[in-house]
Amino acid sequence: PEKQPEKTEEPAKEEEDEEEEEEKPEKKQNKPPAEEEEEDDGEDKHAKHDEYIIANVISVRELKKKKGFFVCEVDTGADEYNTIVTNCNNLQADCKVIVATEGCMVGGKDVVREHVQGEYSLGVICSQVDMGWEGETHLAVLLDASCSVSDPAPASRKSPLVKKAVKAVAKDEDEDEEEAEEKPSKGSAKAKGKKGKA
C-alpha cells in the first residue's frame, strides 16, 4: 500500500514540471508589441541627431501676408532668440521642438538665413517629414517639456521625448468653420446680383 501513493506523487511532479516548461515560452511570447518592433527594425529609440537641436518656442504669430505661415521666436540656447518662418500649424508658445539651425541640412538642402514670405528666417522647425519619418509636412515634431534647450534632438520617432502628433489648435478649426459659413452667403449675394442685372 505504501508504494501506490509514491507512484501517484511522481506523475504529479512530472505534470508540474511540464506546466512550468509550458509557462516559460508563454512569457517570451507576451512581450509588448513595441519591444518586438524595436528588435525587428533595429532602431535605437535613444539615438540623438548629429545636427538638429532642441528649442523652446517663445512666441508664434500668423503671417498676415500669407495664410498658413507663422513667424516663431525660438530659444536655441544662443545669446539671442532665432526667428523662424514655418508652415507648421501645431505650434504654441512654450512648447519644445526640433530645430535645424543655419548650416544644417534638411531634406537635402542647406539651411541658410533667408527671406521667407517677407520675414527673415534663421532655421527650420522640423516636421515629421523633415526628420525622415512618416507623417505630415505641416505638423512640427513636438517634444516633452522635460527636454533641455540646445541638447541634441532625438533622432528616432520612438524616442520617449517625442510626443504623438497633434493636429492644429482648435482655434484654427473654428476660424475655418467661420470662413466656410461666410463663403456661401457671399456667393449667394453675387448670384442674386447677376440675376437682377440679366
Protein backbone atom coordinates (compact mmCIF):
# COMPACT_ATOMS: atom_id res chain seq x y z
CA PRO A 1 0.00 0.00 0.00
CA GLU A 2 2.86 2.39 0.63
CA LYS A 3 4.16 2.12 -2.94
CA GLN A 4 0.94 3.22 -4.53
CA PRO A 5 0.90 6.73 -3.04
CA GLU A 6 4.50 7.22 -4.19
CA LYS A 7 3.54 6.43 -7.76
CA THR A 8 0.73 8.97 -7.70
CA GLU A 9 3.08 11.67 -6.39
CA GLU A 10 5.64 11.16 -9.14
CA PRO A 11 3.20 11.82 -12.01
CA ALA A 12 2.02 14.92 -10.15
CA LYS A 13 5.61 16.24 -10.04
CA GLU A 14 6.07 15.50 -13.72
CA GLU A 15 2.87 17.37 -14.52
CA GLU A 16 4.11 20.39 -12.50
CA ASP A 17 7.44 20.33 -14.37
CA GLU A 18 5.63 20.18 -17.70
CA GLU A 19 3.42 23.12 -16.68
CA GLU A 20 6.47 25.19 -15.70
CA GLU A 21 8.15 24.45 -19.05
CA GLU A 22 4.97 25.44 -20.88
CA GLU A 23 4.78 28.72 -18.93
CA LYS A 24 8.32 29.81 -19.86
CA PRO A 25 7.68 30.01 -23.62
CA GLU A 26 4.41 31.83 -22.94
CA LYS A 27 6.29 34.54 -21.04
CA LYS A 28 8.54 35.12 -24.06
CA GLN A 29 5.52 35.40 -26.33
CA ASN A 30 3.85 38.00 -24.08
CA LYS A 31 6.36 40.78 -24.92
CA PRO A 32 4.81 44.17 -25.56
CA PRO A 33 4.46 44.84 -29.31
CA ALA A 34 6.69 47.91 -29.06
CA GLU A 35 9.65 45.83 -27.87
CA GLU A 36 9.18 43.34 -30.68
CA GLU A 37 9.12 46.16 -33.25
CA GLU A 38 12.33 47.65 -31.91
CA GLU A 39 14.12 44.34 -32.24
CA ASP A 40 12.79 43.91 -35.78
CA ASP A 41 13.85 47.29 -37.20
CA GLY A 42 16.96 47.77 -35.05
CA GLU A 43 16.11 51.43 -34.41
CA ASP A 44 17.69 52.91 -31.27
CA LYS A 45 14.96 54.93 -29.57
CA HIS A 46 17.56 56.85 -27.54
CA ALA A 47 19.64 57.92 -30.56
CA LYS A 48 20.47 61.64 -30.86
CA HIS A 49 20.62 63.67 -34.07
CA ASP A 50 24.04 64.83 -35.26
CA GLU A 51 22.94 68.34 -36.29
CA TYR A 52 19.47 69.20 -35.01
CA ILE A 53 18.87 70.59 -31.53
CA ILE A 54 16.01 71.06 -29.09
CA ALA A 55 14.50 74.55 -28.90
CA ASN A 56 11.72 76.21 -26.94
CA VAL A 57 9.09 78.22 -28.82
CA ILE A 58 8.80 81.66 -27.20
CA SER A 59 6.09 83.16 -29.43
CA VAL A 60 4.02 82.35 -32.51
CA ARG A 61 2.19 84.77 -34.77
CA GLU A 62 0.42 84.14 -38.04
CA LEU A 63 1.69 85.96 -41.12
CA LYS A 64 -0.93 88.36 -42.43
CA LYS A 65 0.56 88.36 -45.94
CA LYS A 66 0.49 84.59 -46.39
CA LYS A 67 -2.17 82.42 -44.74
CA GLY A 68 -0.82 79.17 -43.33
CA PHE A 69 2.61 80.55 -42.42
CA PHE A 70 3.78 81.52 -38.94
CA VAL A 71 6.66 83.58 -37.52
CA CYS A 72 8.13 81.99 -34.40
CA GLU A 73 10.68 83.23 -31.93
CA VAL A 74 12.61 80.24 -30.59
CA ASP A 75 15.20 79.85 -27.86
CA THR A 76 18.01 77.58 -29.08
CA GLY A 77 20.34 78.38 -26.20
CA ALA A 78 22.14 81.12 -28.15
CA ASP A 79 22.51 84.68 -26.84
CA GLU A 80 19.51 85.86 -28.89
CA TYR A 81 16.27 84.20 -29.95
CA ASN A 82 16.05 82.92 -33.53
CA THR A 83 13.22 83.98 -35.80
CA ILE A 84 11.92 81.11 -37.91
CA VAL A 85 9.16 81.19 -40.52
CA THR A 86 7.28 77.91 -40.77
CA ASN A 87 4.12 76.34 -42.12
CA CYS A 88 3.82 74.01 -39.11
CA ASN A 89 0.41 74.79 -37.66
CA ASN A 90 0.53 72.89 -34.36
CA LEU A 91 2.87 75.31 -32.57
CA GLN A 92 2.19 77.40 -29.50
CA ALA A 93 4.28 79.35 -27.01
CA ASP A 94 6.31 77.31 -24.54
CA CYS A 95 6.45 74.06 -26.50
CA LYS A 96 9.66 72.17 -27.25
CA VAL A 97 10.53 71.45 -30.87
CA ILE A 98 13.36 70.16 -33.05
CA VAL A 99 15.24 72.92 -34.89
CA ALA A 100 17.77 72.77 -37.71
CA THR A 101 19.89 75.89 -37.43
CA GLU A 102 21.87 77.65 -40.14
CA GLY A 103 24.47 75.29 -41.62
CA CYS A 104 22.43 72.08 -41.15
CA MET A 105 20.89 70.02 -43.95
CA VAL A 106 17.11 69.41 -44.14
CA GLY A 107 15.64 67.35 -46.97
CA GLY A 108 18.91 67.52 -48.91
CA LYS A 109 19.06 71.34 -48.76
CA ASP A 110 21.33 73.58 -46.70
CA VAL A 111 19.60 75.67 -44.05
CA VAL A 112 20.57 79.30 -44.66
CA ARG A 113 19.43 82.68 -43.40
CA GLU A 114 16.82 83.81 -45.91
CA HIS A 115 13.69 85.86 -46.50
CA VAL A 116 10.60 83.66 -46.31
CA GLN A 117 7.26 85.33 -47.03
CA GLY A 118 8.79 88.75 -46.29
CA GLU A 119 10.38 87.79 -42.95
CA TYR A 120 13.93 86.70 -42.10
CA SER A 121 14.13 83.03 -41.15
CA LEU A 122 17.18 81.70 -39.31
CA GLY A 123 16.43 77.98 -39.31
CA VAL A 124 13.81 75.28 -39.75
CA ILE A 125 11.35 73.93 -37.19
CA CYS A 126 11.37 70.27 -38.20
CA SER A 127 8.25 68.42 -39.21
CA GLN A 128 7.92 64.65 -39.18
CA VAL A 129 8.85 64.55 -42.86
CA ASP A 130 11.92 66.78 -42.28
CA MET A 131 13.12 64.17 -39.80
CA GLY A 132 12.70 61.42 -42.39
CA TRP A 133 9.73 59.91 -40.54
CA GLU A 134 6.29 59.10 -41.84
CA GLY A 135 3.85 61.91 -41.18
CA GLU A 136 2.71 65.30 -42.35
CA THR A 137 4.77 68.27 -43.50
CA HIS A 138 2.66 70.84 -41.65
CA LEU A 139 2.96 69.23 -38.19
CA ALA A 140 6.06 70.06 -36.16
CA VAL A 141 7.62 67.33 -34.06
CA LEU A 142 6.68 68.30 -30.50
CA LEU A 143 8.85 67.16 -27.61
CA ASP A 144 8.27 66.52 -23.93
CA ALA A 145 8.52 69.57 -21.67
CA SER A 146 11.36 67.92 -19.74
CA CYS A 147 13.74 68.32 -22.72
CA SER A 148 16.61 70.76 -22.29
CA VAL A 149 17.12 73.58 -24.78
CA SER A 150 20.21 73.22 -27.02
CA ASP A 151 20.59 69.48 -26.34
CA PRO A 152 20.89 67.23 -29.40
CA ALA A 153 17.43 66.35 -30.73
CA PRO A 154 16.11 62.79 -30.67
CA ALA A 155 16.77 61.01 -33.98
CA SER A 156 14.10 58.35 -33.51
CA ARG A 157 10.34 58.80 -33.69
CA LYS A 158 10.15 56.12 -30.98
CA SER A 159 12.07 58.26 -28.50
CA PRO A 160 10.26 58.76 -25.19
CA LEU A 161 10.91 62.50 -25.66
CA VAL A 162 8.76 62.68 -28.82
CA LYS A 163 5.08 63.44 -28.25
CA LYS A 164 2.46 61.96 -30.54
CA ALA A 165 1.45 64.25 -33.41
CA VAL A 166 -1.43 66.54 -32.54
CA LYS A 167 -3.39 68.43 -35.15
CA ALA A 168 -3.61 72.21 -35.21
CA VAL A 169 -5.09 74.10 -32.30
CA ALA A 170 -8.90 74.14 -32.10
CA LYS A 171 -8.83 77.93 -32.69
CA ASP A 172 -7.71 77.35 -36.29
CA GLU A 173 -10.55 74.86 -36.84
CA ASP A 174 -13.07 77.41 -35.53
CA GLU A 175 -11.73 80.03 -37.95
CA ASP A 176 -12.07 77.58 -40.85
CA GLU A 177 -15.68 76.88 -39.89
CA GLU A 178 -16.43 80.62 -39.72
CA GLU A 179 -14.91 81.15 -43.16
CA ALA A 180 -16.92 78.26 -44.57
CA GLU A 181 -20.10 79.85 -43.22
CA GLU A 182 -19.23 83.24 -44.73
CA LYS A 183 -18.42 81.94 -48.23
CA PRO A 184 -21.87 80.61 -49.13
CA SER A 185 -23.53 83.89 -48.10
CA LYS A 186 -21.12 85.90 -50.27
CA GLY A 187 -21.62 83.55 -53.20
CA SER A 188 -25.40 83.72 -52.93
CA ALA A 189 -25.30 87.55 -52.86
CA LYS A 190 -23.28 87.58 -56.08
CA ALA A 191 -25.66 85.13 -57.67
CA LYS A 192 -28.63 87.35 -56.76
CA GLY A 193 -26.87 90.39 -58.19
CA LYS A 194 -26.26 88.66 -61.51
CA LYS A 195 -29.86 87.53 -61.79
CA GLY A 196 -31.10 91.07 -61.25
CA LYS A 197 -28.83 92.50 -63.98
CA ALA A 198 -29.85 89.98 -66.64
